[in-house]
Amino acid sequence: MPRTLKRTAVVTASPEQVWDLVGDFHGLADWHPQVPPSTVGEDAAVRVFAIDGKVLARERLLSRDPGARSYTYTVLDPMLPVTEYVATLAVLPHDSGATEVVWSAHYRAAEETVPQVEAVFGDGTYGSGLAALQEKFAQR
C-alpha cells in the first residue's frame, strides 16, 4: 500500500542560504549531525554511508533542481521492510520571510511497518536533521 512520510521546519534564513547548505546531495553530513559522511558510490549519482568500512546505506539521486531548490532520491538498501522509497528534500520561501524546509517520502510498506518508518526516518533522520538546520541558522 502506498504511504507518505513528511516533516517540515521553518528556518530563519533565506531560501538561498539554506539551499547553499543543503543542496549538495553528497553533503548531507555537513549539516545533519546523525548522518556519517558519504562517499561517491558506483557512479556520481550514488552516495554511500559507511562506518569503519561497513556500508550502512546507499541512496541514488534521481533528480536535482537548483532553480526549485529541491532534490529527489531513492534508498537502494532500505534498512526497513519498505519498497519504492523515494524521498524529496525541498527548500521553499515561507510567508514569514523565512524558509520552509520540507523533507518527504513516498513508499510501500505493510501497516505494521509504518510506525517504525515514522520513528526511524521521520523522527530519527528527517526530524533531527531539520532541527539541526533550525539551530544552525538561529545561531547566525
Protein backbone atom coordinates (compact mmCIF):
# COMPACT_ATOMS: atom_id res chain seq x y z
CA MET A 1 0.00 0.00 0.00
CA PRO A 2 1.37 3.49 -0.83
CA ARG A 3 2.45 5.53 2.22
CA THR A 4 3.61 9.10 2.76
CA LEU A 5 6.10 10.47 5.26
CA LYS A 6 6.65 14.19 5.76
CA ARG A 7 8.43 16.54 8.16
CA THR A 8 8.81 20.31 7.83
CA ALA A 9 10.67 23.08 9.62
CA VAL A 10 10.79 26.85 9.33
CA VAL A 11 14.34 28.16 9.29
CA THR A 12 15.30 31.79 9.94
CA ALA A 13 17.37 32.31 6.81
CA SER A 14 16.73 32.99 3.15
CA PRO A 15 15.92 30.08 0.83
CA GLU A 16 19.21 30.74 -0.98
CA GLN A 17 21.23 30.48 2.25
CA VAL A 18 19.51 27.24 3.23
CA TRP A 19 19.86 25.73 -0.26
CA ASP A 20 23.56 26.63 -0.28
CA LEU A 21 23.93 24.37 2.76
CA VAL A 22 21.53 21.51 1.97
CA GLY A 23 21.57 21.45 -1.82
CA ASP A 24 24.65 19.25 -2.20
CA PHE A 25 23.38 15.66 -2.38
CA HIS A 26 26.75 14.38 -1.18
CA GLY A 27 26.97 16.96 1.62
CA LEU A 28 24.26 15.67 3.99
CA ALA A 29 26.75 15.09 6.81
CA ASP A 30 27.83 18.75 6.54
CA TRP A 31 24.63 19.79 8.30
CA HIS A 32 22.99 16.62 9.65
CA PRO A 33 24.54 15.62 12.99
CA GLN A 34 23.36 12.00 12.95
CA VAL A 35 24.49 11.03 9.45
CA PRO A 36 28.02 9.81 8.73
CA PRO A 37 29.89 11.41 5.82
CA SER A 38 29.08 9.81 2.48
CA THR A 39 31.33 8.79 -0.35
CA VAL A 40 30.52 8.63 -4.04
CA GLY A 41 29.30 5.17 -5.00
CA GLU A 42 29.43 3.23 -8.24
CA ASP A 43 28.59 6.45 -10.08
CA ALA A 44 28.31 10.13 -9.13
CA ALA A 45 24.56 9.82 -8.51
CA VAL A 46 25.03 7.35 -5.62
CA ARG A 47 26.00 8.30 -2.09
CA VAL A 48 27.27 5.60 0.24
CA PHE A 49 27.11 5.91 4.01
CA ALA A 50 29.62 3.70 5.81
CA ILE A 51 31.14 3.45 9.26
CA ASP A 52 34.51 1.70 9.65
CA GLY A 53 34.19 0.36 6.12
CA LYS A 54 30.78 -1.22 6.71
CA VAL A 55 28.17 0.10 4.28
CA LEU A 56 25.06 1.21 6.15
CA ALA A 57 23.04 2.60 3.26
CA ARG A 58 23.20 3.64 -0.37
CA GLU A 59 21.00 6.27 -1.96
CA ARG A 60 20.65 7.27 -5.62
CA LEU A 61 19.94 10.82 -6.73
CA LEU A 62 17.01 10.73 -9.14
CA SER A 63 16.73 14.45 -9.87
CA ARG A 64 18.09 17.78 -8.66
CA ASP A 65 16.55 21.13 -9.50
CA PRO A 66 18.61 24.07 -8.21
CA GLY A 67 16.02 26.55 -9.53
CA ALA A 68 13.27 24.94 -7.47
CA ARG A 69 15.78 24.21 -4.68
CA SER A 70 14.97 20.52 -4.37
CA TYR A 71 16.36 17.08 -5.00
CA THR A 72 14.79 13.64 -5.07
CA TYR A 73 16.47 10.35 -4.29
CA THR A 74 15.71 6.70 -3.67
CA VAL A 75 17.04 4.37 -1.00
CA LEU A 76 18.84 1.44 -2.62
CA ASP A 77 19.34 -0.59 0.57
CA PRO A 78 16.34 0.00 2.84
CA MET A 79 17.07 -0.94 6.44
CA LEU A 80 13.35 -1.46 6.97
CA PRO A 81 10.87 -3.64 5.06
CA VAL A 82 9.85 -0.95 2.57
CA THR A 83 9.88 -0.78 -1.22
CA GLU A 84 9.73 2.03 -3.76
CA TYR A 85 11.08 4.53 -1.20
CA VAL A 86 11.50 7.89 -2.95
CA ALA A 87 12.28 11.00 -0.91
CA THR A 88 12.48 14.71 -1.69
CA LEU A 89 14.23 17.50 0.18
CA ALA A 90 12.82 20.90 -0.80
CA VAL A 91 13.63 24.45 0.31
CA LEU A 92 10.70 26.85 -0.07
CA PRO A 93 10.03 30.51 0.72
CA HIS A 94 7.82 30.88 3.82
CA ASP A 95 5.13 33.54 4.34
CA SER A 96 7.05 34.88 7.34
CA GLY A 97 10.02 35.82 5.17
CA ALA A 98 11.95 32.82 6.48
CA THR A 99 12.34 29.45 4.75
CA GLU A 100 10.38 26.23 4.99
CA VAL A 101 12.32 23.02 4.50
CA VAL A 102 10.17 20.04 3.54
CA TRP A 103 11.54 16.50 3.69
CA SER A 104 9.07 13.95 2.42
CA ALA A 105 8.88 10.44 1.02
CA HIS A 106 6.51 8.05 -0.67
CA TYR A 107 6.98 4.34 -0.14
CA ARG A 108 5.23 0.99 0.09
CA ALA A 109 5.07 -0.99 3.32
CA ALA A 110 2.75 -3.09 5.40
CA GLU A 111 0.63 -1.29 8.01
CA GLU A 112 2.69 -2.71 10.89
CA THR A 113 5.87 -1.17 9.42
CA VAL A 114 4.56 2.41 9.29
CA PRO A 115 5.28 3.29 12.96
CA GLN A 116 8.85 2.08 12.53
CA VAL A 117 9.31 4.15 9.36
CA GLU A 118 7.87 7.20 11.15
CA ALA A 119 10.28 6.71 14.05
CA VAL A 120 13.45 5.83 12.12
CA PHE A 121 13.16 8.01 9.00
CA GLY A 122 10.55 10.57 10.09
CA ASP A 123 11.81 11.42 13.56
CA GLY A 124 15.32 9.98 13.56
CA THR A 125 16.54 11.20 10.18
CA TYR A 126 14.19 13.90 8.91
CA GLY A 127 13.18 15.41 12.25
CA SER A 128 16.65 15.50 13.77
CA GLY A 129 18.15 16.92 10.57
CA LEU A 130 15.55 19.66 10.30
CA ALA A 131 16.00 20.55 13.98
CA ALA A 132 19.75 20.83 13.39
CA LEU A 133 19.11 23.20 10.47
CA GLN A 134 16.90 25.39 12.62
CA GLU A 135 19.55 25.52 15.31
CA LYS A 136 22.36 26.18 12.86
CA PHE A 137 20.64 29.21 11.34
CA ALA A 138 19.32 30.50 14.67
CA GLN A 139 22.94 30.91 15.84
CA ARG A 140 23.88 33.16 12.93
